[in-house]
């Protein structure tokens, strides 16, 4: 019974880490999009 409980806790922890990693990856993707948009705006403004 204790082994089963420990197994469940490990799975929950791994899921939490995977969810956090996914959140960071989404954030990095959004930041890259923002960076590209800013670069394009700078080119447009300073033509």
Protein backbone atom coordinates (compact mmCIF):
# COMPACT_ATOMS: atom_id res chain seq x y z
CA UNK A 1 0.00 0.00 0.00
CA UNK A 2 2.83 2.40 0.86
CA UNK A 3 4.59 1.58 -2.43
CA UNK A 4 1.44 2.39 -4.36
CA UNK A 5 1.11 5.73 -2.55
CA UNK A 6 4.75 6.61 -3.30
CA UNK A 7 4.24 5.67 -6.94
CA UNK A 8 1.22 7.99 -7.18
CA UNK A 9 3.14 10.85 -5.58
CA UNK A 10 6.01 10.43 -8.04
CA UNK A 11 3.60 10.43 -10.98
CA UNK A 12 1.94 13.62 -9.70
CA UNK A 13 5.33 15.30 -9.26
CA UNK A 14 6.39 14.30 -12.78
CA UNK A 15 3.11 15.62 -14.19
CA UNK A 16 3.61 18.92 -12.36
CA UNK A 17 7.13 19.27 -13.77
CA UNK A 18 5.92 18.43 -17.28
CA UNK A 19 3.15 21.01 -16.98
CA UNK A 20 5.58 23.66 -15.75
CA UNK A 21 8.00 22.87 -18.59
CA UNK A 22 5.16 23.18 -21.08
CA UNK A 23 4.26 26.56 -19.60
CA UNK A 24 7.83 27.77 -19.96
CA UNK A 25 8.01 26.53 -23.53
CA UNK A 26 4.79 28.38 -24.36
CA UNK A 27 6.17 31.52 -22.75
CA UNK A 28 9.42 31.29 -24.70
CA UNK A 29 7.46 30.83 -27.94
CA UNK A 30 5.34 33.91 -27.20
CA UNK A 31 8.43 35.96 -26.35
CA UNK A 32 10.04 34.96 -29.65
CA UNK A 33 6.89 36.04 -31.50
CA UNK A 34 6.94 39.39 -29.68
CA UNK A 35 10.63 39.84 -30.51
CA UNK A 36 9.93 39.19 -34.20
CA UNK A 37 7.02 41.64 -34.19
CA UNK A 38 9.14 44.35 -32.58
CA UNK A 39 11.94 43.80 -35.11
CA UNK A 40 9.44 44.10 -37.96
CA UNK A 41 7.96 47.28 -36.50
CA UNK A 42 11.44 48.81 -36.14
CA UNK A 43 12.17 48.08 -39.81
CA UNK A 44 8.85 49.62 -40.81
CA UNK A 45 9.28 52.75 -38.69
CA UNK A 46 12.90 53.45 -39.64
CA UNK A 47 12.55 52.95 -43.42
